Amino acid sequence: MIGAIVLAAGNSSRMGVSKQLLDVYGDKLLRRTVRTILKTEIDTVAVVLGAREQDHRTIVEDLHVDIVSNTKWATGMGSSIKQGLAHLGRKHPDLSAVIIFVCDQPLLNTAVISDLIAGYRRNKKPVIASGYAGMPGVPVLFDKSIFDKLEALPDHQGAKKIILQNPADVHTIPFAGGEIDLDTMEDYNAFLTRESSE
C-alpha cells in the first residue's frame, strides 16, 4: 500500500495570497494537485491543512481524501510531514511507502507519479525522488524503512536533508517542469505568461 501526504498547511507568506487557491488551468491549485494524485495508483491520500484551513478544506472536502488538521503548522514543514505520516500509519498499518507532495508545483502530472512508483518497484531503493534543476526533490517516495527518520524530523525541517544525507539510498526520476513552483506573485505571473505563450 502506497500513501500520499500533501503538504498544504502553510500561509503563503511570500505570495501574499493563498497559493492553494490560485487559479491554474481552470482549477484551484490545491484541488488540481489532489485530483492529479487521485488519478494514479496511490491507495490513500492525506491532505495536511493549517493556515486558512476552512478555505482550503472547502475546495478538497468532496474528494476522496483524508483531511489532517495541523494546529502546529506555523512551526514548519516537518510538523506537517509527521502529522500526515502518523495519520496514515494509524489508519493503514500495512502502509509500505508514502509519497510527499507540495501543493505549489503546477506542472505535476500523473506520469511523474506513476514513474516514481514504478521506480520504487523496480529499483528497490528506499527513496525515489523527482529530479530537476540538477537536484533531487519533491514529490519524493519514502519506503517504510525510512519512516523513523521522517518521524524524527524537527518541526522546522522538511525531508530534503534525509534525501541529501543518504545519496546511496536514493534513485531519481526526471520531472520536467518540477523546478517551477509558485512561491511568489512574480512566480505566478511568470507561469501564466509562459503558459499563454506556448
N, C-alpha and C. Protein backbone atom coordinates (compact mmCIF):
# COMPACT_ATOMS: atom_id res chain seq x y z
N MET A 1 0.84 -1.19 0.00
CA MET A 1 0.00 0.00 0.00
C MET A 1 0.88 1.25 0.00
N ILE A 2 0.56 2.16 -0.90
CA ILE A 2 1.31 3.41 -1.01
C ILE A 2 0.38 4.57 -0.71
N GLY A 3 0.80 5.43 0.21
CA GLY A 3 0.01 6.60 0.60
C GLY A 3 0.63 7.89 0.10
N ALA A 4 -0.16 8.94 0.13
CA ALA A 4 0.33 10.27 -0.25
C ALA A 4 0.08 11.24 0.89
N ILE A 5 1.05 12.10 1.12
CA ILE A 5 0.90 13.21 2.06
C ILE A 5 1.04 14.50 1.26
N VAL A 6 -0.01 15.30 1.24
CA VAL A 6 0.01 16.58 0.53
C VAL A 6 0.20 17.69 1.55
N LEU A 7 1.31 18.39 1.45
CA LEU A 7 1.62 19.45 2.40
C LEU A 7 0.99 20.75 1.94
N ALA A 8 -0.07 21.17 2.63
CA ALA A 8 -0.82 22.37 2.22
C ALA A 8 -1.19 23.22 3.42
N ALA A 9 -0.32 23.20 4.45
CA ALA A 9 -0.66 23.88 5.70
C ALA A 9 -0.10 25.29 5.81
N GLY A 10 0.80 25.67 4.89
CA GLY A 10 1.47 26.96 5.02
C GLY A 10 0.58 28.15 4.73
N ASN A 11 1.06 29.32 5.09
CA ASN A 11 0.26 30.54 4.94
C ASN A 11 0.68 31.38 3.74
N SER A 12 1.55 30.82 2.86
CA SER A 12 1.94 31.50 1.62
C SER A 12 2.45 32.92 1.89
N SER A 13 3.31 33.07 2.89
CA SER A 13 3.74 34.41 3.31
C SER A 13 4.46 35.15 2.19
N ARG A 14 5.23 34.44 1.37
CA ARG A 14 5.95 35.10 0.27
C ARG A 14 5.02 35.47 -0.88
N MET A 15 3.94 34.73 -1.02
CA MET A 15 2.99 35.01 -2.10
C MET A 15 2.11 36.21 -1.77
N GLY A 16 1.72 36.32 -0.49
CA GLY A 16 0.84 37.41 -0.09
C GLY A 16 -0.63 37.05 -0.17
N VAL A 17 -0.95 36.02 -0.96
CA VAL A 17 -2.30 35.44 -1.01
C VAL A 17 -2.13 33.93 -0.94
N SER A 18 -3.22 33.22 -0.73
CA SER A 18 -3.13 31.77 -0.60
C SER A 18 -2.74 31.13 -1.93
N LYS A 19 -1.58 30.47 -1.96
CA LYS A 19 -1.19 29.78 -3.20
C LYS A 19 -2.10 28.58 -3.45
N GLN A 20 -2.64 28.02 -2.37
CA GLN A 20 -3.55 26.88 -2.53
C GLN A 20 -4.77 27.24 -3.37
N LEU A 21 -5.15 28.53 -3.35
CA LEU A 21 -6.35 28.98 -4.05
C LEU A 21 -6.08 29.64 -5.39
N LEU A 22 -4.82 29.63 -5.84
CA LEU A 22 -4.50 30.22 -7.13
C LEU A 22 -5.21 29.45 -8.25
N ASP A 23 -5.63 30.17 -9.27
CA ASP A 23 -6.25 29.53 -10.43
C ASP A 23 -5.17 29.03 -11.38
N VAL A 24 -5.19 27.73 -11.65
CA VAL A 24 -4.24 27.11 -12.57
C VAL A 24 -5.01 26.14 -13.46
N TYR A 25 -4.97 26.38 -14.75
CA TYR A 25 -5.67 25.52 -15.71
C TYR A 25 -7.14 25.33 -15.35
N GLY A 26 -7.77 26.40 -14.89
CA GLY A 26 -9.20 26.35 -14.61
C GLY A 26 -9.59 25.70 -13.31
N ASP A 27 -8.63 25.49 -12.43
CA ASP A 27 -8.93 24.87 -11.13
C ASP A 27 -8.08 25.55 -10.06
N LYS A 28 -8.46 25.38 -8.81
CA LYS A 28 -7.63 25.87 -7.72
C LYS A 28 -6.41 24.96 -7.60
N LEU A 29 -5.25 25.55 -7.32
CA LEU A 29 -4.00 24.80 -7.36
C LEU A 29 -4.02 23.59 -6.44
N LEU A 30 -4.49 23.75 -5.21
CA LEU A 30 -4.53 22.62 -4.29
C LEU A 30 -5.45 21.53 -4.82
N ARG A 31 -6.61 21.91 -5.29
CA ARG A 31 -7.56 20.92 -5.81
C ARG A 31 -6.98 20.20 -7.02
N ARG A 32 -6.33 20.95 -7.89
CA ARG A 32 -5.71 20.34 -9.07
C ARG A 32 -4.65 19.32 -8.65
N THR A 33 -3.83 19.68 -7.67
CA THR A 33 -2.80 18.76 -7.18
C THR A 33 -3.41 17.47 -6.67
N VAL A 34 -4.44 17.61 -5.83
CA VAL A 34 -5.07 16.43 -5.23
C VAL A 34 -5.75 15.57 -6.30
N ARG A 35 -6.43 16.20 -7.23
CA ARG A 35 -7.11 15.44 -8.27
C ARG A 35 -6.11 14.69 -9.15
N THR A 36 -4.95 15.28 -9.39
CA THR A 36 -3.91 14.60 -10.15
C THR A 36 -3.45 13.35 -9.42
N ILE A 37 -3.23 13.46 -8.12
CA ILE A 37 -2.80 12.32 -7.31
C ILE A 37 -3.86 11.22 -7.32
N LEU A 38 -5.12 11.60 -7.23
CA LEU A 38 -6.20 10.62 -7.16
C LEU A 38 -6.38 9.84 -8.46
N LYS A 39 -5.81 10.33 -9.56
CA LYS A 39 -5.91 9.62 -10.84
C LYS A 39 -4.83 8.54 -10.98
N THR A 40 -3.98 8.39 -9.98
CA THR A 40 -2.89 7.41 -10.04
C THR A 40 -3.22 6.21 -9.16
N GLU A 41 -2.25 5.27 -9.08
CA GLU A 41 -2.47 4.05 -8.32
C GLU A 41 -2.20 4.21 -6.82
N ILE A 42 -1.99 5.43 -6.36
CA ILE A 42 -1.83 5.68 -4.92
C ILE A 42 -3.11 5.25 -4.20
N ASP A 43 -2.94 4.58 -3.06
CA ASP A 43 -4.07 3.95 -2.38
C ASP A 43 -4.81 4.88 -1.42
N THR A 44 -4.11 5.80 -0.79
CA THR A 44 -4.74 6.63 0.23
C THR A 44 -4.03 7.98 0.28
N VAL A 45 -4.81 9.04 0.48
CA VAL A 45 -4.26 10.41 0.40
C VAL A 45 -4.64 11.19 1.65
N ALA A 46 -3.63 11.78 2.31
CA ALA A 46 -3.85 12.67 3.45
C ALA A 46 -3.43 14.08 3.04
N VAL A 47 -4.35 15.02 3.15
CA VAL A 47 -4.06 16.43 2.85
C VAL A 47 -3.92 17.16 4.18
N VAL A 48 -2.73 17.69 4.44
CA VAL A 48 -2.46 18.35 5.72
C VAL A 48 -2.72 19.85 5.56
N LEU A 49 -3.69 20.34 6.32
CA LEU A 49 -4.08 21.75 6.28
C LEU A 49 -3.70 22.44 7.58
N GLY A 50 -3.57 23.77 7.51
CA GLY A 50 -3.22 24.55 8.69
C GLY A 50 -3.76 25.95 8.58
N ALA A 51 -2.95 26.87 8.03
CA ALA A 51 -3.39 28.24 7.84
C ALA A 51 -4.61 28.27 6.90
N ARG A 52 -5.56 29.13 7.21
CA ARG A 52 -6.79 29.26 6.40
C ARG A 52 -7.43 27.90 6.13
N GLU A 53 -7.45 27.07 7.16
CA GLU A 53 -7.89 25.69 6.98
C GLU A 53 -9.28 25.59 6.35
N GLN A 54 -10.23 26.39 6.82
CA GLN A 54 -11.59 26.25 6.31
C GLN A 54 -11.68 26.58 4.83
N ASP A 55 -10.98 27.63 4.39
CA ASP A 55 -10.98 27.99 2.97
C ASP A 55 -10.42 26.86 2.11
N HIS A 56 -9.37 26.24 2.60
CA HIS A 56 -8.72 25.18 1.83
C HIS A 56 -9.49 23.87 1.92
N ARG A 57 -10.08 23.62 3.08
CA ARG A 57 -10.89 22.42 3.25
C ARG A 57 -12.05 22.42 2.25
N THR A 58 -12.63 23.59 2.04
CA THR A 58 -13.80 23.70 1.17
C THR A 58 -13.53 23.19 -0.24
N ILE A 59 -12.30 23.37 -0.73
CA ILE A 59 -12.02 23.00 -2.13
C ILE A 59 -11.59 21.55 -2.32
N VAL A 60 -11.40 20.81 -1.21
CA VAL A 60 -11.00 19.39 -1.36
C VAL A 60 -11.88 18.42 -0.58
N GLU A 61 -12.80 18.93 0.23
CA GLU A 61 -13.52 18.03 1.12
C GLU A 61 -14.47 17.09 0.38
N ASP A 62 -14.81 17.40 -0.87
CA ASP A 62 -15.67 16.50 -1.64
C ASP A 62 -14.86 15.40 -2.34
N LEU A 63 -13.54 15.47 -2.27
CA LEU A 63 -12.69 14.48 -2.90
C LEU A 63 -12.41 13.32 -1.94
N HIS A 64 -11.95 12.21 -2.48
CA HIS A 64 -11.74 11.00 -1.68
C HIS A 64 -10.37 11.07 -0.98
N VAL A 65 -10.30 11.96 0.02
CA VAL A 65 -9.06 12.17 0.76
C VAL A 65 -9.37 12.29 2.24
N ASP A 66 -8.34 12.10 3.06
CA ASP A 66 -8.43 12.38 4.48
C ASP A 66 -7.82 13.76 4.72
N ILE A 67 -8.54 14.59 5.45
CA ILE A 67 -8.02 15.91 5.78
C ILE A 67 -7.45 15.86 7.20
N VAL A 68 -6.18 16.24 7.32
CA VAL A 68 -5.48 16.24 8.60
C VAL A 68 -5.26 17.69 9.00
N SER A 69 -5.73 18.05 10.18
CA SER A 69 -5.59 19.42 10.66
C SER A 69 -4.33 19.55 11.51
N ASN A 70 -3.43 20.42 11.05
CA ASN A 70 -2.18 20.64 11.79
C ASN A 70 -2.24 22.00 12.49
N THR A 71 -2.56 21.98 13.75
CA THR A 71 -2.65 23.22 14.52
C THR A 71 -1.26 23.82 14.78
N LYS A 72 -0.22 23.02 14.55
CA LYS A 72 1.16 23.48 14.75
C LYS A 72 1.81 23.88 13.43
N TRP A 73 1.01 24.19 12.41
CA TRP A 73 1.55 24.44 11.08
C TRP A 73 2.63 25.51 11.06
N ALA A 74 2.51 26.50 11.95
CA ALA A 74 3.46 27.62 11.94
C ALA A 74 4.86 27.20 12.37
N THR A 75 5.01 26.02 12.99
CA THR A 75 6.34 25.57 13.42
C THR A 75 7.15 25.03 12.25
N GLY A 76 6.51 24.72 11.13
CA GLY A 76 7.27 24.31 9.96
C GLY A 76 6.78 23.04 9.29
N MET A 77 7.42 22.75 8.15
CA MET A 77 7.01 21.64 7.29
C MET A 77 7.14 20.29 7.97
N GLY A 78 8.16 20.14 8.81
CA GLY A 78 8.35 18.86 9.50
C GLY A 78 7.14 18.45 10.31
N SER A 79 6.49 19.41 10.93
CA SER A 79 5.32 19.09 11.75
C SER A 79 4.19 18.53 10.88
N SER A 80 4.05 19.06 9.67
CA SER A 80 3.00 18.56 8.77
C SER A 80 3.34 17.17 8.24
N ILE A 81 4.60 16.94 7.92
CA ILE A 81 5.01 15.61 7.46
C ILE A 81 4.71 14.58 8.54
N LYS A 82 5.09 14.89 9.78
CA LYS A 82 4.89 13.94 10.87
C LYS A 82 3.42 13.68 11.15
N GLN A 83 2.59 14.72 11.08
CA GLN A 83 1.17 14.52 11.32
C GLN A 83 0.52 13.71 10.21
N GLY A 84 0.91 14.01 8.97
CA GLY A 84 0.37 13.23 7.86
C GLY A 84 0.77 11.77 7.94
N LEU A 85 2.03 11.52 8.26
CA LEU A 85 2.52 10.15 8.36
C LEU A 85 1.86 9.41 9.52
N ALA A 86 1.71 10.08 10.66
CA ALA A 86 1.06 9.46 11.81
C ALA A 86 -0.39 9.08 11.49
N HIS A 87 -1.08 9.95 10.79
CA HIS A 87 -2.47 9.67 10.42
C HIS A 87 -2.55 8.44 9.52
N LEU A 88 -1.72 8.41 8.46
CA LEU A 88 -1.76 7.28 7.53
C LEU A 88 -1.33 5.99 8.22
N GLY A 89 -0.34 6.08 9.10
CA GLY A 89 0.12 4.90 9.80
C GLY A 89 -0.93 4.30 10.72
N ARG A 90 -1.68 5.17 11.38
CA ARG A 90 -2.77 4.68 12.26
C ARG A 90 -3.87 4.02 11.44
N LYS A 91 -4.21 4.62 10.34
CA LYS A 91 -5.33 4.13 9.52
C LYS A 91 -4.95 2.91 8.70
N HIS A 92 -3.68 2.85 8.29
CA HIS A 92 -3.22 1.77 7.42
C HIS A 92 -1.92 1.18 7.96
N PRO A 93 -2.00 0.26 8.91
CA PRO A 93 -0.78 -0.31 9.49
C PRO A 93 0.08 -1.04 8.47
N ASP A 94 -0.51 -1.43 7.33
CA ASP A 94 0.24 -2.15 6.31
C ASP A 94 0.85 -1.21 5.27
N LEU A 95 0.90 0.08 5.56
CA LEU A 95 1.46 1.06 4.65
C LEU A 95 2.92 0.71 4.34
N SER A 96 3.27 0.61 3.06
CA SER A 96 4.63 0.23 2.69
C SER A 96 5.48 1.41 2.25
N ALA A 97 4.84 2.51 1.83
CA ALA A 97 5.59 3.68 1.39
C ALA A 97 4.67 4.89 1.37
N VAL A 98 5.26 6.07 1.43
CA VAL A 98 4.48 7.31 1.25
C VAL A 98 5.19 8.18 0.24
N ILE A 99 4.40 8.95 -0.50
CA ILE A 99 4.95 9.97 -1.38
C ILE A 99 4.56 11.32 -0.81
N ILE A 100 5.54 12.17 -0.60
CA ILE A 100 5.29 13.50 -0.07
C ILE A 100 5.20 14.49 -1.23
N PHE A 101 4.10 15.23 -1.25
CA PHE A 101 3.84 16.24 -2.27
C PHE A 101 3.75 17.62 -1.62
N VAL A 102 4.14 18.64 -2.37
CA VAL A 102 3.81 20.01 -2.00
C VAL A 102 2.66 20.45 -2.91
N CYS A 103 2.08 21.59 -2.61
CA CYS A 103 0.89 21.99 -3.37
C CYS A 103 1.16 23.14 -4.31
N ASP A 104 2.45 23.41 -4.62
CA ASP A 104 2.73 24.59 -5.45
C ASP A 104 3.51 24.26 -6.72
N GLN A 105 3.42 23.01 -7.19
CA GLN A 105 4.06 22.62 -8.45
C GLN A 105 2.97 22.45 -9.52
N PRO A 106 2.71 23.48 -10.30
CA PRO A 106 1.57 23.44 -11.22
C PRO A 106 1.72 22.43 -12.35
N LEU A 107 2.95 21.98 -12.64
CA LEU A 107 3.15 21.03 -13.72
C LEU A 107 3.20 19.58 -13.25
N LEU A 108 2.82 19.33 -12.00
CA LEU A 108 2.69 17.95 -11.52
C LEU A 108 1.71 17.21 -12.43
N ASN A 109 2.06 15.98 -12.78
CA ASN A 109 1.18 15.19 -13.64
C ASN A 109 1.21 13.72 -13.24
N THR A 110 0.27 12.98 -13.75
CA THR A 110 0.14 11.57 -13.35
C THR A 110 1.34 10.74 -13.79
N ALA A 111 1.96 11.09 -14.91
CA ALA A 111 3.11 10.31 -15.40
C ALA A 111 4.27 10.36 -14.41
N VAL A 112 4.52 11.52 -13.84
CA VAL A 112 5.61 11.66 -12.86
C VAL A 112 5.34 10.75 -11.66
N ILE A 113 4.11 10.77 -11.18
CA ILE A 113 3.76 9.96 -10.00
C ILE A 113 3.88 8.47 -10.33
N SER A 114 3.37 8.06 -11.48
CA SER A 114 3.48 6.66 -11.88
C SER A 114 4.92 6.23 -12.04
N ASP A 115 5.77 7.15 -12.56
CA ASP A 115 7.19 6.84 -12.71
C ASP A 115 7.88 6.66 -11.35
N LEU A 116 7.48 7.45 -10.36
CA LEU A 116 8.04 7.28 -9.01
C LEU A 116 7.70 5.90 -8.46
N ILE A 117 6.45 5.51 -8.63
CA ILE A 117 6.01 4.21 -8.10
C ILE A 117 6.68 3.07 -8.85
N ALA A 118 6.77 3.19 -10.17
CA ALA A 118 7.45 2.16 -10.97
C ALA A 118 8.92 2.08 -10.60
N GLY A 119 9.54 3.23 -10.37
CA GLY A 119 10.94 3.25 -9.96
C GLY A 119 11.16 2.57 -8.62
N TYR A 120 10.22 2.74 -7.72
CA TYR A 120 10.27 2.10 -6.40
C TYR A 120 10.19 0.59 -6.54
N ARG A 121 9.26 0.14 -7.35
CA ARG A 121 9.08 -1.31 -7.50
C ARG A 121 10.25 -1.95 -8.25
N ARG A 122 10.85 -1.20 -9.15
CA ARG A 122 11.91 -1.75 -9.99
C ARG A 122 13.28 -1.69 -9.32
N ASN A 123 13.57 -0.59 -8.62
CA ASN A 123 14.92 -0.36 -8.11
C ASN A 123 15.13 -0.81 -6.67
N LYS A 124 14.06 -0.96 -5.93
CA LYS A 124 14.14 -1.39 -4.53
C LYS A 124 14.96 -0.45 -3.66
N LYS A 125 15.10 0.79 -4.12
CA LYS A 125 15.75 1.81 -3.29
C LYS A 125 14.71 2.35 -2.32
N PRO A 126 15.11 2.73 -1.10
CA PRO A 126 14.13 3.22 -0.14
C PRO A 126 13.66 4.65 -0.37
N VAL A 127 14.37 5.40 -1.22
CA VAL A 127 13.96 6.77 -1.53
C VAL A 127 13.95 6.94 -3.05
N ILE A 128 12.80 7.34 -3.59
CA ILE A 128 12.69 7.63 -5.02
C ILE A 128 12.28 9.10 -5.12
N ALA A 129 13.20 9.91 -5.62
CA ALA A 129 12.98 11.36 -5.66
C ALA A 129 12.76 11.82 -7.09
N SER A 130 12.08 12.94 -7.22
CA SER A 130 11.96 13.60 -8.51
C SER A 130 13.26 14.37 -8.78
N GLY A 131 13.68 14.39 -10.02
CA GLY A 131 14.90 15.09 -10.37
C GLY A 131 14.64 16.27 -11.29
N TYR A 132 15.12 17.45 -10.89
CA TYR A 132 15.01 18.65 -11.72
C TYR A 132 16.01 19.68 -11.19
N ALA A 133 16.42 20.57 -12.07
CA ALA A 133 17.39 21.61 -11.71
C ALA A 133 18.65 21.02 -11.10
N GLY A 134 19.00 19.80 -11.52
CA GLY A 134 20.23 19.16 -11.06
C GLY A 134 20.19 18.63 -9.64
N MET A 135 19.00 18.55 -9.06
CA MET A 135 18.88 18.13 -7.66
C MET A 135 17.70 17.19 -7.49
N PRO A 136 17.74 16.32 -6.47
CA PRO A 136 16.56 15.54 -6.13
C PRO A 136 15.58 16.41 -5.35
N GLY A 137 14.28 16.18 -5.56
CA GLY A 137 13.29 16.99 -4.86
C GLY A 137 11.95 16.29 -4.78
N VAL A 138 10.92 17.07 -4.52
CA VAL A 138 9.56 16.56 -4.40
C VAL A 138 8.87 16.56 -5.76
N PRO A 139 7.87 15.70 -5.91
CA PRO A 139 7.44 14.67 -4.96
C PRO A 139 8.52 13.61 -4.77
N VAL A 140 8.51 13.06 -3.57
CA VAL A 140 9.52 12.06 -3.22
C VAL A 140 8.85 10.91 -2.46
N LEU A 141 9.22 9.70 -2.84
CA LEU A 141 8.68 8.49 -2.20
C LEU A 141 9.66 7.98 -1.15
N PHE A 142 9.13 7.64 0.02
CA PHE A 142 9.92 7.05 1.09
C PHE A 142 9.36 5.69 1.45
N ASP A 143 10.21 4.69 1.43
CA ASP A 143 9.84 3.35 1.90
C ASP A 143 9.64 3.38 3.42
N LYS A 144 8.90 2.40 3.93
CA LYS A 144 8.62 2.35 5.38
C LYS A 144 9.90 2.24 6.21
N SER A 145 10.99 1.76 5.61
CA SER A 145 12.25 1.68 6.35
C SER A 145 12.82 3.06 6.68
N ILE A 146 12.27 4.10 6.05
CA ILE A 146 12.71 5.48 6.30
C ILE A 146 11.73 6.22 7.21
N PHE A 147 10.61 5.60 7.54
CA PHE A 147 9.59 6.29 8.33
C PHE A 147 10.14 6.82 9.65
N ASP A 148 11.06 6.06 10.27
CA ASP A 148 11.60 6.53 11.56
C ASP A 148 12.36 7.84 11.39
N LYS A 149 13.03 8.01 10.25
CA LYS A 149 13.73 9.28 10.00
C LYS A 149 12.74 10.43 9.79
N LEU A 150 11.64 10.15 9.12
CA LEU A 150 10.60 11.17 8.95
C LEU A 150 9.98 11.54 10.29
N GLU A 151 9.73 10.54 11.11
CA GLU A 151 9.12 10.78 12.43
C GLU A 151 10.04 11.57 13.34
N ALA A 152 11.35 11.53 13.07
CA ALA A 152 12.33 12.23 13.91
C ALA A 152 12.66 13.63 13.40
N LEU A 153 12.01 14.05 12.32
CA LEU A 153 12.30 15.38 11.77
C LEU A 153 11.98 16.47 12.78
N PRO A 154 12.83 17.47 12.92
CA PRO A 154 12.43 18.66 13.68
C PRO A 154 11.25 19.33 12.98
N ASP A 155 10.41 19.99 13.75
CA ASP A 155 9.22 20.62 13.16
C ASP A 155 9.56 21.58 12.03
N HIS A 156 10.69 22.28 12.15
CA HIS A 156 11.01 23.33 11.19
C HIS A 156 11.68 22.81 9.92
N GLN A 157 11.96 21.51 9.86
CA GLN A 157 12.77 20.98 8.77
C GLN A 157 11.95 20.08 7.86
N GLY A 158 12.13 20.22 6.56
CA GLY A 158 11.50 19.32 5.61
C GLY A 158 12.31 18.05 5.43
N ALA A 159 11.95 17.26 4.43
CA ALA A 159 12.58 15.95 4.24
C ALA A 159 13.83 16.02 3.36
N LYS A 160 14.17 17.19 2.86
CA LYS A 160 15.29 17.32 1.92
C LYS A 160 16.60 16.81 2.52
N LYS A 161 16.81 17.08 3.80
CA LYS A 161 18.06 16.67 4.44
C LYS A 161 18.22 15.15 4.43
N ILE A 162 17.11 14.45 4.60
CA ILE A 162 17.16 12.98 4.58
C ILE A 162 17.62 12.51 3.20
N ILE A 163 17.11 13.15 2.16
CA ILE A 163 17.49 12.78 0.79
C ILE A 163 18.97 13.04 0.57
N LEU A 164 19.44 14.22 0.96
CA LEU A 164 20.82 14.61 0.68
C LEU A 164 21.83 13.85 1.52
N GLN A 165 21.45 13.44 2.73
CA GLN A 165 22.38 12.75 3.62
C GLN A 165 22.51 11.26 3.31
N ASN A 166 21.62 10.75 2.47
CA ASN A 166 21.63 9.31 2.18
C ASN A 166 21.62 9.06 0.67
N PRO A 167 22.63 9.58 -0.06
CA PRO A 167 22.60 9.50 -1.53
C PRO A 167 22.58 8.08 -2.07
N ALA A 168 23.19 7.14 -1.35
CA ALA A 168 23.22 5.75 -1.82
C ALA A 168 21.83 5.11 -1.78
N ASP A 169 20.94 5.67 -1.00
CA ASP A 169 19.58 5.13 -0.86
C ASP A 169 18.60 5.75 -1.84
N VAL A 170 19.07 6.68 -2.68
CA VAL A 170 18.16 7.49 -3.49
C VAL A 170 18.26 7.12 -4.97
N HIS A 171 17.12 6.91 -5.58
CA HIS A 171 17.01 6.79 -7.04
C HIS A 171 16.19 7.98 -7.51
N THR A 172 16.61 8.60 -8.61
CA THR A 172 15.97 9.82 -9.09
C THR A 172 15.24 9.58 -10.40
N ILE A 173 14.03 10.12 -10.48
CA ILE A 173 13.19 10.04 -11.67
C ILE A 173 13.05 11.45 -12.24
N PRO A 174 13.30 11.66 -13.52
CA PRO A 174 13.18 13.01 -14.09
C PRO A 174 11.76 13.56 -14.00
N PHE A 175 11.64 14.82 -13.63
CA PHE A 175 10.35 15.53 -13.58
C PHE A 175 10.54 16.83 -14.35
N ALA A 176 10.19 16.81 -15.62
CA ALA A 176 10.30 18.02 -16.45
C ALA A 176 9.31 19.06 -15.94
N GLY A 177 9.84 20.23 -15.55
CA GLY A 177 8.99 21.28 -15.02
C GLY A 177 8.85 21.25 -13.52
N GLY A 178 9.52 20.32 -12.86
CA GLY A 178 9.44 20.25 -11.41
C GLY A 178 10.02 21.46 -10.72
N GLU A 179 10.94 22.13 -11.42
CA GLU A 179 11.57 23.32 -10.82
C GLU A 179 10.62 24.52 -10.77
N ILE A 180 9.51 24.42 -11.47
CA ILE A 180 8.54 25.53 -11.46
C ILE A 180 7.63 25.38 -10.25
N ASP A 181 7.84 26.24 -9.27
CA ASP A 181 6.94 26.27 -8.12
C ASP A 181 6.49 27.72 -7.90
N LEU A 182 5.35 27.85 -7.30
CA LEU A 182 4.72 29.17 -7.19
C LEU A 182 4.85 29.67 -5.75
N ASP A 183 5.98 30.32 -5.48
CA ASP A 183 6.24 30.84 -4.14
C ASP A 183 5.88 32.31 -4.00
N THR A 184 5.98 33.04 -5.11
CA THR A 184 5.73 34.48 -5.07
C THR A 184 4.76 34.86 -6.18
N MET A 185 4.21 36.06 -6.09
CA MET A 185 3.31 36.52 -7.15
C MET A 185 4.07 36.66 -8.46
N GLU A 186 5.36 36.98 -8.39
CA GLU A 186 6.18 37.05 -9.60
C GLU A 186 6.27 35.67 -10.25
N ASP A 187 6.43 34.62 -9.43
CA ASP A 187 6.45 33.25 -9.96
C ASP A 187 5.14 32.94 -10.69
N TYR A 188 4.04 33.30 -10.06
CA TYR A 188 2.72 33.01 -10.62
C TYR A 188 2.52 33.75 -11.94
N ASN A 189 2.84 35.03 -11.96
CA ASN A 189 2.67 35.82 -13.18
C ASN A 189 3.58 35.31 -14.30
N ALA A 190 4.80 34.91 -13.93
CA ALA A 190 5.71 34.37 -14.95
C ALA A 190 5.17 33.05 -15.50
N PHE A 191 4.59 32.25 -14.63
CA PHE A 191 4.00 30.97 -15.07
C PHE A 191 2.82 31.22 -16.02
N LEU A 192 1.95 32.16 -15.67
CA LEU A 192 0.81 32.46 -16.54
C LEU A 192 1.28 32.99 -17.89
N THR A 193 2.29 33.84 -17.87
CA THR A 193 2.83 34.39 -19.11
C THR A 193 3.42 33.28 -19.97
N ARG A 194 4.17 32.39 -19.33
CA ARG A 194 4.80 31.27 -20.04
C ARG A 194 3.74 30.37 -20.68
N GLU A 195 2.70 30.05 -19.91
CA GLU A 195 1.68 29.14 -20.42
C GLU A 195 0.89 29.77 -21.57
N SER A 196 0.62 31.07 -21.48
CA SER A 196 -0.17 31.73 -22.51
C SER A 196 0.61 31.88 -23.81
N SER A 197 1.95 31.82 -23.72
CA SER A 197 2.77 31.98 -24.91
C SER A 197 3.07 30.67 -25.62
N GLU A 198 2.71 29.56 -24.97
CA GLU A 198 3.01 28.25 -25.57
C GLU A 198 1.85 27.76 -26.44
